[in-house]
Amino acid sequence: MDAISYKLDVFEGPLDLLLHLISKHKIDINDIPILLLVEQYLDYVRQMKEEDMEVASEFLEMAARLIYIKTVSLLPVHEEEADELKKELQGELLEYQDCQIMAKKLAKQANGFDHYSRKPEKFPPDMTYTRLHQPIELLKAYINAVGRGKRNLPPPIEAFSGIVAHKIVPIRERVSYIMGSLFRKKKQRFVSFFEKAESRSEMVATFLAILSLAKDKKIALTQIDDDLEVEMLDSDINVDVEDDYINENE
């Protein structure tokens, strides 16, 4: 694929960027070359960081997701899982593409409907208010107007009790989990750290934790046959982690 040569502020989200890359290189969504697509996507994210632009968490989460799909695709033993992950991504891209097409059609149909004209009135309208109100109606209107100021106040803290918060998955927590597991057993399979993940955010946080540990040479990744093996090199869990957590709502 060619080097990236477009403005960085034109994409509404990661799916918008992926569709741009697919359209630019005339790729069929049903036959996405993950290995090449990952490189182009990561180039964009790196370029955002180099220009000191704020990288939205949804772009980082999609980057981790693409890297995970790429990693699984390289392991023949996980070929079925890789196909399922690719189909899931393809489905999201097709759905997003349909929404874009429909939005353009609606915008085209609505063009000009926000303006209208009419002939000027020959006579000015009668501005005399002639409606008669019962006293009780006036009283209700007054009470409603007086109480309007109170309604504009923010709700009390008690009003938010019982609301279920989205789960936050700290990356450092996954670092401790991985190192603790390796302390008990120095060598383990790469995929074993994802088997008990309860959410996609936890999987992303685990994957980023493994990348941080490997970067700081706390662990080593070695390919054994059709799998990856994770080996602990240093039991110190002080790791340079860029993001403190992954939010389930992101």
Protein backbone atom coordinates (compact mmCIF):
# COMPACT_ATOMS: atom_id res chain seq x y z
CA MET A 1 0.00 0.00 0.00
CA ASP A 2 1.08 3.65 -0.56
CA ALA A 3 2.17 5.94 2.25
CA ILE A 4 -0.52 7.96 4.00
CA SER A 5 -1.02 11.38 2.38
CA TYR A 6 -4.35 12.74 3.64
CA LYS A 7 -5.50 15.16 6.30
CA LEU A 8 -5.66 13.71 9.79
CA ASP A 9 -8.78 15.58 10.90
CA VAL A 10 -11.27 14.21 8.37
CA PHE A 11 -12.22 10.92 10.03
CA GLU A 12 -15.15 10.61 12.40
CA GLY A 13 -13.92 7.35 13.93
CA PRO A 14 -11.85 4.20 13.36
CA LEU A 15 -14.45 2.61 11.06
CA ASP A 16 -14.44 5.76 8.92
CA LEU A 17 -10.64 5.52 8.62
CA LEU A 18 -10.75 1.81 7.74
CA LEU A 19 -13.36 2.43 5.02
CA HIS A 20 -11.14 5.18 3.60
CA LEU A 21 -8.16 2.79 3.41
CA ILE A 22 -10.31 0.07 1.84
CA SER A 23 -11.80 2.46 -0.74
CA LYS A 24 -8.45 4.08 -1.51
CA HIS A 25 -6.82 0.77 -2.42
CA LYS A 26 -9.99 -0.74 -4.01
CA ILE A 27 -10.18 -3.61 -1.54
CA ASP A 28 -13.25 -5.81 -1.20
CA ILE A 29 -14.60 -5.58 2.37
CA ASN A 30 -15.32 -9.32 2.24
CA ASP A 31 -11.63 -10.03 1.50
CA ILE A 32 -9.72 -7.68 3.83
CA PRO A 33 -5.90 -8.18 3.87
CA ILE A 34 -5.49 -7.74 7.63
CA LEU A 35 -1.66 -7.66 7.59
CA LEU A 36 -1.52 -4.71 5.18
CA LEU A 37 -4.52 -2.93 6.68
CA VAL A 38 -2.98 -3.02 10.17
CA GLU A 39 0.22 -1.32 8.95
CA GLN A 40 -1.72 1.50 7.27
CA TYR A 41 -3.95 2.01 10.31
CA LEU A 42 -1.01 2.09 12.76
CA ASP A 43 0.80 4.59 10.50
CA TYR A 44 -2.18 6.91 10.87
CA VAL A 45 -2.25 6.58 14.68
CA ARG A 46 1.52 7.16 14.89
CA GLN A 47 1.21 10.24 12.67
CA MET A 48 -1.47 11.64 14.98
CA LYS A 49 0.89 11.24 17.94
CA GLU A 50 3.81 12.82 16.04
CA GLU A 51 1.70 15.90 15.31
CA ASP A 52 0.70 16.12 18.99
CA MET A 53 -2.95 15.46 18.17
CA GLU A 54 -5.16 13.94 20.84
CA VAL A 55 -5.68 10.30 19.88
CA ALA A 56 -9.22 9.21 20.77
CA SER A 57 -9.43 6.03 22.80
CA GLU A 58 -11.64 4.42 20.14
CA PHE A 59 -8.75 4.66 17.63
CA LEU A 60 -6.37 3.00 20.14
CA GLU A 61 -8.88 0.27 20.94
CA MET A 62 -9.34 -0.48 17.22
CA ALA A 63 -5.53 -0.56 16.81
CA ALA A 64 -5.23 -3.15 19.58
CA ARG A 65 -8.11 -5.10 18.06
CA LEU A 66 -6.46 -5.18 14.62
CA ILE A 67 -3.12 -6.25 16.14
CA TYR A 68 -4.87 -9.05 18.00
CA ILE A 69 -6.60 -10.24 14.81
CA LYS A 70 -3.24 -10.10 13.02
CA THR A 71 -1.56 -12.10 15.80
CA VAL A 72 -4.28 -14.76 15.83
CA SER A 73 -4.19 -14.95 12.02
CA LEU A 74 -0.51 -15.90 12.15
CA LEU A 75 -1.26 -18.92 14.32
CA PRO A 76 -2.76 -21.79 12.28
CA VAL A 77 -4.18 -23.41 15.40
CA HIS A 78 -6.42 -20.35 15.88
CA GLU A 79 -7.48 -20.04 12.24
CA GLU A 80 -11.18 -20.48 13.09
CA GLU A 81 -11.07 -17.73 15.74
CA ALA A 82 -9.26 -15.41 13.31
CA ASP A 83 -11.97 -15.97 10.68
CA GLU A 84 -14.70 -15.16 13.23
CA LEU A 85 -12.93 -11.96 14.29
CA LYS A 86 -12.49 -10.88 10.66
CA LYS A 87 -16.17 -11.60 9.89
CA GLU A 88 -17.21 -9.53 12.89
CA LEU A 89 -15.09 -6.60 11.69
CA GLN A 90 -16.39 -6.99 8.12
CA GLY A 91 -19.96 -6.90 9.39
CA GLU A 92 -19.33 -3.67 11.29
CA LEU A 93 -17.69 -2.08 8.25
CA LEU A 94 -20.58 -3.06 5.95
CA GLU A 95 -23.13 -1.71 8.42
CA TYR A 96 -21.19 1.56 8.80
CA GLN A 97 -20.86 1.85 5.01
CA ASP A 98 -24.64 1.42 4.60
CA CYS A 99 -25.22 4.18 7.16
CA GLN A 100 -22.89 6.52 5.25
CA ILE A 101 -24.66 5.82 1.95
CA MET A 102 -28.10 6.40 3.51
CA ALA A 103 -26.92 9.62 5.20
CA LYS A 104 -25.71 10.99 1.86
CA LYS A 105 -29.05 10.11 0.20
CA LEU A 106 -31.04 11.80 2.96
CA ALA A 107 -28.82 14.89 2.84
CA LYS A 108 -29.30 15.11 -0.93
CA GLN A 109 -33.08 14.74 -0.63
CA ALA A 110 -33.23 17.38 2.11
CA ASN A 111 -31.20 19.90 0.10
CA GLY A 112 -33.24 23.08 -0.22
CA PHE A 113 -35.98 22.01 2.21
CA ASP A 114 -34.58 24.26 4.95
CA HIS A 115 -35.51 27.42 2.99
CA TYR A 116 -38.92 28.63 1.94
CA SER A 117 -40.49 31.86 0.76
CA ARG A 118 -43.92 33.36 0.70
CA LYS A 119 -45.61 36.47 -0.57
CA PRO A 120 -45.63 39.45 1.79
CA GLU A 121 -48.77 40.09 3.77
CA LYS A 122 -50.98 42.81 2.36
CA PHE A 123 -52.14 43.90 5.82
CA PRO A 124 -50.28 43.70 9.12
CA PRO A 125 -51.71 41.04 11.42
CA ASP A 126 -53.88 42.07 14.32
CA MET A 127 -51.65 41.87 17.41
CA THR A 128 -54.48 42.41 19.89
CA TYR A 129 -54.66 39.51 22.35
CA THR A 130 -58.33 38.66 22.65
CA ARG A 131 -58.35 35.33 24.47
CA LEU A 132 -60.01 35.32 27.88
CA HIS A 133 -58.50 33.18 30.67
CA GLN A 134 -60.06 31.80 33.77
CA PRO A 135 -58.39 32.95 37.02
CA ILE A 136 -57.26 29.39 37.78
CA GLU A 137 -55.41 29.26 34.43
CA LEU A 138 -53.53 32.47 35.23
CA LEU A 139 -52.62 31.11 38.66
CA LYS A 140 -51.25 27.89 37.15
CA ALA A 141 -49.22 29.86 34.58
CA TYR A 142 -47.73 32.03 37.35
CA ILE A 143 -46.79 29.02 39.50
CA ASN A 144 -45.26 27.30 36.49
CA ALA A 145 -43.16 30.39 35.63
CA VAL A 146 -41.96 30.82 39.22
CA GLY A 147 -40.99 27.14 39.52
CA ARG A 148 -39.13 27.12 36.21
CA GLY A 149 -35.99 28.50 37.85
CA LYS A 150 -35.83 25.55 40.25
CA ARG A 151 -36.21 23.07 37.39
CA ASN A 152 -33.07 24.48 35.76
CA LEU A 153 -30.95 23.52 38.75
CA PRO A 154 -28.84 20.33 38.36
CA PRO A 155 -30.33 17.21 39.96
CA PRO A 156 -29.02 16.27 43.42
CA ILE A 157 -26.39 13.54 43.81
CA GLU A 158 -29.05 11.24 45.27
CA ALA A 159 -30.78 11.21 41.87
CA PHE A 160 -27.86 9.25 40.42
CA SER A 161 -27.89 6.48 43.01
CA GLY A 162 -28.48 3.03 41.56
CA ILE A 163 -27.08 3.88 38.13
CA VAL A 164 -24.77 1.10 36.95
CA ALA A 165 -21.34 2.46 35.96
CA HIS A 166 -19.39 1.10 33.00
CA LYS A 167 -16.58 -1.22 33.98
CA ILE A 168 -13.09 0.27 33.92
CA VAL A 169 -10.22 -2.12 33.21
CA PRO A 170 -6.84 -0.70 34.35
CA ILE A 171 -3.91 -1.84 32.23
CA ARG A 172 -1.67 -1.90 35.30
CA GLU A 173 -4.09 -4.34 36.90
CA ARG A 174 -3.64 -6.70 33.94
CA VAL A 175 0.15 -6.25 34.23
CA SER A 176 -0.04 -7.44 37.85
CA TYR A 177 -2.29 -10.34 36.82
CA ILE A 178 0.08 -11.48 34.06
CA MET A 179 3.23 -11.18 36.20
CA GLY A 180 1.53 -12.91 39.12
CA SER A 181 0.52 -15.78 36.86
CA LEU A 182 4.06 -16.02 35.42
CA PHE A 183 5.56 -15.93 38.92
CA ARG A 184 3.67 -19.15 39.67
CA LYS A 185 4.50 -20.65 36.28
CA LYS A 186 7.39 -19.01 34.43
CA LYS A 187 6.33 -20.10 30.92
CA GLN A 188 2.73 -20.04 29.66
CA ARG A 189 0.81 -20.00 26.40
CA PHE A 190 0.00 -16.54 24.98
CA VAL A 191 -3.71 -17.27 24.54
CA SER A 192 -4.07 -18.51 28.13
CA PHE A 193 -4.13 -14.91 29.37
CA PHE A 194 -7.26 -14.19 27.32
CA GLU A 195 -9.28 -17.31 28.14
CA LYS A 196 -10.87 -15.88 31.29
CA ALA A 197 -11.45 -12.36 29.93
CA GLU A 198 -15.01 -11.22 30.69
CA SER A 199 -15.21 -8.39 28.15
CA ARG A 200 -13.58 -6.96 25.06
CA SER A 201 -12.13 -4.12 27.17
CA GLU A 202 -10.45 -6.66 29.44
CA MET A 203 -8.99 -8.42 26.38
CA VAL A 204 -7.66 -5.12 25.01
CA ALA A 205 -6.18 -4.17 28.40
CA THR A 206 -4.53 -7.61 28.66
CA PHE A 207 -3.07 -7.31 25.18
CA LEU A 208 -1.68 -3.82 25.86
CA ALA A 209 -0.25 -5.05 29.16
CA ILE A 210 1.61 -7.86 27.33
CA LEU A 211 2.97 -5.35 24.79
CA SER A 212 4.18 -3.07 27.60
CA LEU A 213 5.85 -5.97 29.44
CA ALA A 214 7.57 -7.15 26.26
CA LYS A 215 8.69 -3.60 25.44
CA ASP A 216 10.27 -3.24 28.92
CA LYS A 217 11.87 -6.70 28.60
CA LYS A 218 9.96 -8.09 31.57
CA ILE A 219 8.76 -10.98 29.41
CA ALA A 220 9.81 -12.69 26.19
CA LEU A 221 7.51 -13.92 23.41
CA THR A 222 8.69 -17.03 21.60
CA GLN A 223 6.89 -18.97 18.88
CA ILE A 224 6.64 -22.66 19.74
CA ASP A 225 5.18 -24.69 16.85
CA ASP A 226 1.80 -23.08 16.13
CA ASP A 227 1.54 -21.08 19.35
CA LEU A 228 3.30 -18.26 21.20
CA GLU A 229 4.97 -18.83 24.54
CA VAL A 230 5.27 -16.10 27.17
CA GLU A 231 8.27 -16.35 29.50
CA MET A 232 9.01 -14.11 32.50
CA LEU A 233 12.45 -12.45 32.36
CA ASP A 234 12.16 -9.98 35.25
CA SER A 235 9.76 -10.21 38.20
CA ASP A 236 9.70 -6.42 38.69
CA ILE A 237 6.25 -5.17 37.58
CA ASN A 238 7.19 -1.49 37.23
CA VAL A 239 6.24 -1.01 33.58
CA ASP A 240 5.91 2.12 31.44
CA VAL A 241 2.20 2.04 30.52
CA GLU A 242 0.89 4.81 28.25
CA ASP A 243 -2.80 4.41 29.12
CA ASP A 244 -3.95 3.91 32.68
CA TYR A 245 -7.16 2.06 31.84
CA ILE A 246 -9.58 0.87 29.18
CA ASN A 247 -13.17 2.01 29.70
CA GLU A 248 -15.95 -0.43 28.82
CA ASN A 249 -17.87 2.54 27.35
CA GLU A 250 -15.10 3.48 24.92
